[in-house]
Amino acid sequence: MCMYRLVPSTVEKSGVKLAHACVQATVCILGLTGLWAAVEYHNGKASPHFYTLHSWFGLIAIIGFVLQVPKLQHFYTPPPLL
C-alpha cells in the first residue's frame, strides 16, 4: 500500500499498478534466489535444512508470497473488452 501513497495522484493508476507489479516480481525473484542460496549452502556443509524456527517462518513467508501470484495476476491484467 505504501507505493500507492508515495506516488502523486496525478500519475495514472495503471502506471502505479505496473510499478507495483515490477517491485513484487523483483521481491519474488530475490526471495526465491535467497532460499535457493541457503539450501545450496546447507547442501555443501551436509547440515540439516530448516532446523530453526526462523528458517521455518522464512519458508512460510516465501511460500505465502509466491502463492499470491495468481491473485496478483488477476488484478494487474486489464478486463476483457466486451
PDB file of N, CA and C in Angstrom:
ATOM      1  N   MET A   1       0.810  -1.201   0.000  1.00  0.00           N
ATOM      2  CA  MET A   1       0.000   0.000   0.000  1.00  0.00           C
ATOM      3  C   MET A   1       0.852   1.262   0.000  1.00  0.00           C
ATOM      4  N   CYS A   2       2.057   1.196   0.461  1.00  0.00           N
ATOM      5  CA  CYS A   2       2.901   2.385   0.516  1.00  0.00           C
ATOM      6  C   CYS A   2       3.170   2.938  -0.873  1.00  0.00           C
ATOM      7  N   MET A   3       3.279   2.065  -1.872  1.00  0.00           N
ATOM      8  CA  MET A   3       3.580   2.541  -3.218  1.00  0.00           C
ATOM      9  C   MET A   3       2.461   3.442  -3.737  1.00  0.00           C
ATOM     10  N   TYR A   4       1.230   3.118  -3.406  1.00  0.00           N
ATOM     11  CA  TYR A   4       0.119   3.927  -3.882  1.00  0.00           C
ATOM     12  C   TYR A   4       0.078   5.278  -3.179  1.00  0.00           C
ATOM     13  N   ARG A   5       0.618   5.357  -1.984  1.00  0.00           N
ATOM     14  CA  ARG A   5       0.627   6.626  -1.256  1.00  0.00           C
ATOM     15  C   ARG A   5       1.832   7.477  -1.589  1.00  0.00           C
ATOM     16  N   LEU A   6       2.930   6.844  -2.025  1.00  0.00           N
ATOM     17  CA  LEU A   6       4.134   7.595  -2.345  1.00  0.00           C
ATOM     18  C   LEU A   6       4.051   8.303  -3.691  1.00  0.00           C
ATOM     19  N   VAL A   7       3.277   7.731  -4.610  1.00  0.00           N
ATOM     20  CA  VAL A   7       3.164   8.295  -5.952  1.00  0.00           C
ATOM     21  C   VAL A   7       2.084   9.370  -5.951  1.00  0.00           C
ATOM     22  N   PRO A   8       2.371  10.526  -6.563  1.00  0.00           N
ATOM     23  CA  PRO A   8       1.345  11.579  -6.607  1.00  0.00           C
ATOM     24  C   PRO A   8       0.078  11.114  -7.330  1.00  0.00           C
ATOM     25  N   SER A   9      -1.030  11.711  -6.995  1.00  0.00           N
ATOM     26  CA  SER A   9      -2.313  11.299  -7.574  1.00  0.00           C
ATOM     27  C   SER A   9      -2.450  11.703  -9.041  1.00  0.00           C
ATOM     28  N   THR A  10      -1.491  12.456  -9.570  1.00  0.00           N
ATOM     29  CA  THR A  10      -1.557  12.843 -10.977  1.00  0.00           C
ATOM     30  C   THR A  10      -1.113  11.727 -11.913  1.00  0.00           C
ATOM     31  N   VAL A  11      -0.456  10.707 -11.373  1.00  0.00           N
ATOM     32  CA  VAL A  11       0.011   9.580 -12.177  1.00  0.00           C
ATOM     33  C   VAL A  11      -1.155   8.608 -12.386  1.00  0.00           C
ATOM     34  N   GLU A  12      -1.241   8.050 -13.590  1.00  0.00           N
ATOM     35  CA  GLU A  12      -2.325   7.111 -13.876  1.00  0.00           C
ATOM     36  C   GLU A  12      -2.227   5.871 -12.998  1.00  0.00           C
ATOM     37  N   LYS A  13      -3.378   5.324 -12.667  1.00  0.00           N
ATOM     38  CA  LYS A  13      -3.427   4.145 -11.803  1.00  0.00           C
ATOM     39  C   LYS A  13      -2.748   2.946 -12.456  1.00  0.00           C
ATOM     40  N   SER A  14      -2.868   2.819 -13.778  1.00  0.00           N
ATOM     41  CA  SER A  14      -2.244   1.682 -14.456  1.00  0.00           C
ATOM     42  C   SER A  14      -0.722   1.745 -14.365  1.00  0.00           C
ATOM     43  N   GLY A  15      -0.162   2.943 -14.376  1.00  0.00           N
ATOM     44  CA  GLY A  15       1.286   3.098 -14.231  1.00  0.00           C
ATOM     45  C   GLY A  15       1.756   2.701 -12.848  1.00  0.00           C
ATOM     46  N   VAL A  16       0.969   3.068 -11.846  1.00  0.00           N
ATOM     47  CA  VAL A  16       1.301   2.697 -10.470  1.00  0.00           C
ATOM     48  C   VAL A  16       1.168   1.185 -10.295  1.00  0.00           C
ATOM     49  N   LYS A  17       0.153   0.587 -10.896  1.00  0.00           N
ATOM     50  CA  LYS A  17      -0.017  -0.859 -10.815  1.00  0.00           C
ATOM     51  C   LYS A  17       1.146  -1.591 -11.487  1.00  0.00           C
ATOM     52  N   LEU A  18       1.594  -1.074 -12.613  1.00  0.00           N
ATOM     53  CA  LEU A  18       2.730  -1.683 -13.305  1.00  0.00           C
ATOM     54  C   LEU A  18       3.992  -1.592 -12.456  1.00  0.00           C
ATOM     55  N   ALA A  19       4.226  -0.445 -11.848  1.00  0.00           N
ATOM     56  CA  ALA A  19       5.392  -0.285 -10.971  1.00  0.00           C
ATOM     57  C   ALA A  19       5.300  -1.239  -9.787  1.00  0.00           C
ATOM     58  N   HIS A  20       4.121  -1.373  -9.223  1.00  0.00           N
ATOM     59  CA  HIS A  20       3.921  -2.278  -8.097  1.00  0.00           C
ATOM     60  C   HIS A  20       4.161  -3.726  -8.519  1.00  0.00           C
ATOM     61  N   ALA A  21       3.702  -4.110  -9.708  1.00  0.00           N
ATOM     62  CA  ALA A  21       3.925  -5.467 -10.209  1.00  0.00           C
ATOM     63  C   ALA A  21       5.413  -5.729 -10.412  1.00  0.00           C
ATOM     64  N   CYS A  22       6.143  -4.738 -10.885  1.00  0.00           N
ATOM     65  CA  CYS A  22       7.589  -4.892 -11.079  1.00  0.00           C
ATOM     66  C   CYS A  22       8.304  -5.074  -9.740  1.00  0.00           C
ATOM     67  N   VAL A  23       7.903  -4.307  -8.743  1.00  0.00           N
ATOM     68  CA  VAL A  23       8.507  -4.447  -7.418  1.00  0.00           C
ATOM     69  C   VAL A  23       8.183  -5.824  -6.841  1.00  0.00           C
ATOM     70  N   GLN A  24       6.944  -6.266  -6.981  1.00  0.00           N
ATOM     71  CA  GLN A  24       6.541  -7.573  -6.473  1.00  0.00           C
ATOM     72  C   GLN A  24       7.320  -8.696  -7.164  1.00  0.00           C
ATOM     73  N   ALA A  25       7.482  -8.601  -8.478  1.00  0.00           N
ATOM     74  CA  ALA A  25       8.220  -9.628  -9.219  1.00  0.00           C
ATOM     75  C   ALA A  25       9.686  -9.658  -8.780  1.00  0.00           C
ATOM     76  N   THR A  26      10.274  -8.484  -8.576  1.00  0.00           N
ATOM     77  CA  THR A  26      11.661  -8.410  -8.128  1.00  0.00           C
ATOM     78  C   THR A  26      11.817  -9.033  -6.750  1.00  0.00           C
ATOM     79  N   VAL A  27      10.913  -8.730  -5.849  1.00  0.00           N
ATOM     80  CA  VAL A  27      10.968  -9.298  -4.499  1.00  0.00           C
ATOM     81  C   VAL A  27      10.802 -10.814  -4.553  1.00  0.00           C
ATOM     82  N   CYS A  28       9.918 -11.302  -5.392  1.00  0.00           N
ATOM     83  CA  CYS A  28       9.696 -12.739  -5.520  1.00  0.00           C
ATOM     84  C   CYS A  28      10.962 -13.422  -6.039  1.00  0.00           C
ATOM     85  N   ILE A  29      11.579 -12.865  -7.048  1.00  0.00           N
ATOM     86  CA  ILE A  29      12.801 -13.444  -7.608  1.00  0.00           C
ATOM     87  C   ILE A  29      13.927 -13.422  -6.585  1.00  0.00           C
ATOM     88  N   LEU A  30      14.098 -12.312  -5.885  1.00  0.00           N
ATOM     89  CA  LEU A  30      15.153 -12.220  -4.877  1.00  0.00           C
ATOM     90  C   LEU A  30      14.899 -13.170  -3.708  1.00  0.00           C
ATOM     91  N   GLY A  31      13.657 -13.311  -3.296  1.00  0.00           N
ATOM     92  CA  GLY A  31      13.324 -14.227  -2.205  1.00  0.00           C
ATOM     93  C   GLY A  31      13.608 -15.671  -2.569  1.00  0.00           C
ATOM     94  N   LEU A  32      13.215 -16.057  -3.773  1.00  0.00           N
ATOM     95  CA  LEU A  32      13.477 -17.428  -4.219  1.00  0.00           C
ATOM     96  C   LEU A  32      14.972 -17.671  -4.416  1.00  0.00           C
ATOM     97  N   THR A  33      15.686 -16.655  -4.885  1.00  0.00           N
ATOM     98  CA  THR A  33      17.138 -16.773  -5.029  1.00  0.00           C
ATOM     99  C   THR A  33      17.804 -16.943  -3.667  1.00  0.00           C
ATOM    100  N   GLY A  34      17.352 -16.206  -2.683  1.00  0.00           N
ATOM    101  CA  GLY A  34      17.889 -16.342  -1.335  1.00  0.00           C
ATOM    102  C   GLY A  34      17.598 -17.704  -0.745  1.00  0.00           C
ATOM    103  N   LEU A  35      16.406 -18.207  -0.979  1.00  0.00           N
ATOM    104  CA  LEU A  35      16.050 -19.548  -0.498  1.00  0.00           C
ATOM    105  C   LEU A  35      16.919 -20.604  -1.158  1.00  0.00           C
ATOM    106  N   TRP A  36      17.122 -20.483  -2.463  1.00  0.00           N
ATOM    107  CA  TRP A  36      17.975 -21.414  -3.193  1.00  0.00           C
ATOM    108  C   TRP A  36      19.404 -21.360  -2.668  1.00  0.00           C
ATOM    109  N   ALA A  37      19.919 -20.141  -2.422  1.00  0.00           N
ATOM    110  CA  ALA A  37      21.282 -19.996  -1.917  1.00  0.00           C
ATOM    111  C   ALA A  37      21.434 -20.637  -0.539  1.00  0.00           C
ATOM    112  N   ALA A  38      20.439 -20.492   0.310  1.00  0.00           N
ATOM    113  CA  ALA A  38      20.501 -21.096   1.641  1.00  0.00           C
ATOM    114  C   ALA A  38      20.496 -22.617   1.559  1.00  0.00           C
ATOM    115  N   VAL A  39      19.669 -23.173   0.685  1.00  0.00           N
ATOM    116  CA  VAL A  39      19.617 -24.622   0.525  1.00  0.00           C
ATOM    117  C   VAL A  39      20.946 -25.138  -0.034  1.00  0.00           C
ATOM    118  N   GLU A  40      21.503 -24.449  -1.025  1.00  0.00           N
ATOM    119  CA  GLU A  40      22.784 -24.858  -1.589  1.00  0.00           C
ATOM    120  C   GLU A  40      23.901 -24.788  -0.551  1.00  0.00           C
ATOM    121  N   TYR A  41      23.882 -23.771   0.274  1.00  0.00           N
ATOM    122  CA  TYR A  41      24.890 -23.631   1.323  1.00  0.00           C
ATOM    123  C   TYR A  41      24.812 -24.799   2.307  1.00  0.00           C
ATOM    124  N   HIS A  42      23.599 -25.157   2.696  1.00  0.00           N
ATOM    125  CA  HIS A  42      23.431 -26.271   3.631  1.00  0.00           C
ATOM    126  C   HIS A  42      23.775 -27.607   2.976  1.00  0.00           C
ATOM    127  N   ASN A  43      23.526 -27.730   1.677  1.00  0.00           N
ATOM    128  CA  ASN A  43      23.919 -28.952   0.978  1.00  0.00           C
ATOM    129  C   ASN A  43      25.433 -29.113   0.965  1.00  0.00           C
ATOM    130  N   GLY A  44      26.151 -28.014   0.806  1.00  0.00           N
ATOM    131  CA  GLY A  44      27.607 -28.056   0.789  1.00  0.00           C
ATOM    132  C   GLY A  44      28.205 -28.440   2.128  1.00  0.00           C
ATOM    133  N   LYS A  45      27.555 -28.070   3.198  1.00  0.00           N
ATOM    134  CA  LYS A  45      28.042 -28.390   4.533  1.00  0.00           C
ATOM    135  C   LYS A  45      27.470 -29.692   5.072  1.00  0.00           C
ATOM    136  N   ALA A  46      26.562 -30.287   4.345  1.00  0.00           N
ATOM    137  CA  ALA A  46      25.876 -31.511   4.775  1.00  0.00           C
ATOM    138  C   ALA A  46      25.200 -31.317   6.124  1.00  0.00           C
ATOM    139  N   SER A  47      24.642 -30.141   6.326  1.00  0.00           N
ATOM    140  CA  SER A  47      23.904 -29.860   7.560  1.00  0.00           C
ATOM    141  C   SER A  47      22.407 -29.869   7.258  1.00  0.00           C
ATOM    142  N   PRO A  48      21.588 -30.095   8.274  1.00  0.00           N
ATOM    143  CA  PRO A  48      20.143 -30.187   8.030  1.00  0.00           C
ATOM    144  C   PRO A  48      19.544 -28.836   7.622  1.00  0.00           C
ATOM    145  N   HIS A  49      18.498 -28.920   6.819  1.00  0.00           N
ATOM    146  CA  HIS A  49      17.771 -27.727   6.390  1.00  0.00           C
ATOM    147  C   HIS A  49      16.645 -27.438   7.376  1.00  0.00           C
ATOM    148  N   PHE A  50      16.339 -26.184   7.551  1.00  0.00           N
ATOM    149  CA  PHE A  50      15.143 -25.753   8.292  1.00  0.00           C
ATOM    150  C   PHE A  50      15.061 -26.369   9.692  1.00  0.00           C
ATOM    151  N   TYR A  51      16.090 -26.167  10.468  1.00  0.00           N
ATOM    152  CA  TYR A  51      16.074 -26.709  11.825  1.00  0.00           C
ATOM    153  C   TYR A  51      15.816 -25.639  12.873  1.00  0.00           C
ATOM    154  N   THR A  52      15.650 -24.391  12.460  1.00  0.00           N
ATOM    155  CA  THR A  52      15.318 -23.334  13.422  1.00  0.00           C
ATOM    156  C   THR A  52      13.937 -22.775  13.099  1.00  0.00           C
ATOM    157  N   LEU A  53      13.339 -22.173  14.082  1.00  0.00           N
ATOM    158  CA  LEU A  53      12.035 -21.541  13.893  1.00  0.00           C
ATOM    159  C   LEU A  53      12.135 -20.385  12.895  1.00  0.00           C
ATOM    160  N   HIS A  54      13.252 -19.682  12.915  1.00  0.00           N
ATOM    161  CA  HIS A  54      13.475 -18.568  11.996  1.00  0.00           C
ATOM    162  C   HIS A  54      13.440 -19.049  10.545  1.00  0.00           C
ATOM    163  N   SER A  55      14.068 -20.190  10.268  1.00  0.00           N
ATOM    164  CA  SER A  55      14.078 -20.695   8.895  1.00  0.00           C
ATOM    165  C   SER A  55      12.689 -21.164   8.467  1.00  0.00           C
ATOM    166  N   TRP A  56      11.919 -21.739   9.380  1.00  0.00           N
ATOM    167  CA  TRP A  56      10.562 -22.168   9.042  1.00  0.00           C
ATOM    168  C   TRP A  56       9.657 -20.970   8.758  1.00  0.00           C
ATOM    169  N   PHE A  57       9.793 -19.915   9.551  1.00  0.00           N
ATOM    170  CA  PHE A  57       8.995 -18.715   9.282  1.00  0.00           C
ATOM    171  C   PHE A  57       9.375 -18.085   7.944  1.00  0.00           C
ATOM    172  N   GLY A  58      10.658 -18.102   7.629  1.00  0.00           N
ATOM    173  CA  GLY A  58      11.101 -17.587   6.332  1.00  0.00           C
ATOM    174  C   GLY A  58      10.538 -18.386   5.186  1.00  0.00           C
ATOM    175  N   LEU A  59      10.542 -19.703   5.320  1.00  0.00           N
ATOM    176  CA  LEU A  59       9.982 -20.575   4.281  1.00  0.00           C
ATOM    177  C   LEU A  59       8.482 -20.334   4.117  1.00  0.00           C
ATOM    178  N   ILE A  60       7.784 -20.203   5.220  1.00  0.00           N
ATOM    179  CA  ILE A  60       6.339 -19.925   5.166  1.00  0.00           C
ATOM    180  C   ILE A  60       6.067 -18.576   4.505  1.00  0.00           C
ATOM    181  N   ALA A  61       6.897 -17.593   4.809  1.00  0.00           N
ATOM    182  CA  ALA A  61       6.726 -16.270   4.200  1.00  0.00           C
ATOM    183  C   ALA A  61       6.938 -16.323   2.691  1.00  0.00           C
ATOM    184  N   ILE A  62       7.961 -17.025   2.250  1.00  0.00           N
ATOM    185  CA  ILE A  62       8.225 -17.141   0.810  1.00  0.00           C
ATOM    186  C   ILE A  62       7.090 -17.893   0.116  1.00  0.00           C
ATOM    187  N   ILE A  63       6.626 -18.985   0.713  1.00  0.00           N
ATOM    188  CA  ILE A  63       5.530 -19.757   0.118  1.00  0.00           C
ATOM    189  C   ILE A  63       4.266 -18.900   0.035  1.00  0.00           C
ATOM    190  N   GLY A  64       3.962 -18.168   1.103  1.00  0.00           N
ATOM    191  CA  GLY A  64       2.789 -17.293   1.084  1.00  0.00           C
ATOM    192  C   GLY A  64       2.901 -16.209   0.036  1.00  0.00           C
ATOM    193  N   PHE A  65       4.090 -15.666  -0.124  1.00  0.00           N
ATOM    194  CA  PHE A  65       4.296 -14.621  -1.126  1.00  0.00           C
ATOM    195  C   PHE A  65       4.135 -15.173  -2.530  1.00  0.00           C
ATOM    196  N   VAL A  66       4.696 -16.345  -2.796  1.00  0.00           N
ATOM    197  CA  VAL A  66       4.608 -16.944  -4.131  1.00  0.00           C
ATOM    198  C   VAL A  66       3.167 -17.354  -4.447  1.00  0.00           C
ATOM    199  N   LEU A  67       2.409 -17.793  -3.441  1.00  0.00           N
ATOM    200  CA  LEU A  67       1.021 -18.195  -3.685  1.00  0.00           C
ATOM    201  C   LEU A  67       0.119 -17.013  -4.045  1.00  0.00           C
ATOM    202  N   GLN A  68       0.581 -15.796  -3.833  1.00  0.00           N
ATOM    203  CA  GLN A  68      -0.199 -14.619  -4.196  1.00  0.00           C
ATOM    204  C   GLN A  68      -0.151 -14.324  -5.690  1.00  0.00           C
ATOM    205  N   VAL A  69       0.747 -14.945  -6.429  1.00  0.00           N
ATOM    206  CA  VAL A  69       0.945 -14.617  -7.840  1.00  0.00           C
ATOM    207  C   VAL A  69      -0.334 -14.745  -8.661  1.00  0.00           C
ATOM    208  N   PRO A  70      -1.103 -15.840  -8.570  1.00  0.00           N
ATOM    209  CA  PRO A  70      -2.335 -15.900  -9.373  1.00  0.00           C
ATOM    210  C   PRO A  70      -3.322 -14.778  -9.017  1.00  0.00           C
ATOM    211  N   LYS A  71      -3.408 -14.447  -7.743  1.00  0.00           N
ATOM    212  CA  LYS A  71      -4.313 -13.375  -7.332  1.00  0.00           C
ATOM    213  C   LYS A  71      -3.833 -12.034  -7.889  1.00  0.00           C
ATOM    214  N   LEU A  72      -2.539 -11.797  -7.833  1.00  0.00           N
ATOM    215  CA  LEU A  72      -1.996 -10.538  -8.335  1.00  0.00           C
ATOM    216  C   LEU A  72      -2.154 -10.436  -9.842  1.00  0.00           C
ATOM    217  N   GLN A  73      -2.016 -11.560 -10.534  1.00  0.00           N
ATOM    218  CA  GLN A  73      -2.176 -11.546 -11.977  1.00  0.00           C
ATOM    219  C   GLN A  73      -3.597 -11.113 -12.345  1.00  0.00           C
ATOM    220  N   HIS A  74      -4.561 -11.512 -11.546  1.00  0.00           N
ATOM    221  CA  HIS A  74      -5.952 -11.123 -11.788  1.00  0.00           C
ATOM    222  C   HIS A  74      -6.117  -9.609 -11.682  1.00  0.00           C
ATOM    223  N   PHE A  75      -5.456  -8.991 -10.720  1.00  0.00           N
ATOM    224  CA  PHE A  75      -5.619  -7.560 -10.517  1.00  0.00           C
ATOM    225  C   PHE A  75      -4.797  -6.716 -11.488  1.00  0.00           C
ATOM    226  N   TYR A  76      -3.700  -7.258 -12.016  1.00  0.00           N
ATOM    227  CA  TYR A  76      -2.837  -6.471 -12.881  1.00  0.00           C
ATOM    228  C   TYR A  76      -3.192  -6.580 -14.361  1.00  0.00           C
ATOM    229  N   THR A  77      -3.989  -7.561 -14.727  1.00  0.00           N
ATOM    230  CA  THR A  77      -4.384  -7.672 -16.121  1.00  0.00           C
ATOM    231  C   THR A  77      -5.640  -6.853 -16.363  1.00  0.00           C
ATOM    232  N   PRO A  78      -5.711  -6.199 -17.497  1.00  0.00           N
ATOM    233  CA  PRO A  78      -6.901  -5.391 -17.765  1.00  0.00           C
ATOM    234  C   PRO A  78      -8.128  -6.267 -18.019  1.00  0.00           C
ATOM    235  N   PRO A  79      -9.307  -5.751 -17.749  1.00  0.00           N
ATOM    236  CA  PRO A  79     -10.520  -6.540 -18.001  1.00  0.00           C
ATOM    237  C   PRO A  79     -10.725  -6.753 -19.493  1.00  0.00           C
ATOM    238  N   PRO A  80     -11.353  -7.846 -19.875  1.00  0.00           N
ATOM    239  CA  PRO A  80     -11.572  -8.105 -21.296  1.00  0.00           C
ATOM    240  C   PRO A  80     -12.570  -7.111 -21.887  1.00  0.00           C
ATOM    241  N   LEU A  81     -12.349  -6.773 -23.123  1.00  0.00           N
ATOM    242  CA  LEU A  81     -13.267  -5.862 -23.813  1.00  0.00           C
ATOM    243  C   LEU A  81     -14.479  -6.656 -24.292  1.00  0.00           C
ATOM    244  N   LEU A  82     -15.642  -6.109 -24.060  1.00  0.00           N
ATOM    245  CA  LEU A  82     -16.869  -6.804 -24.466  1.00  0.00           C
ATOM    246  C   LEU A  82     -17.321  -6.361 -25.822  1.00  0.00           C
TER     247      LEU A  82
END
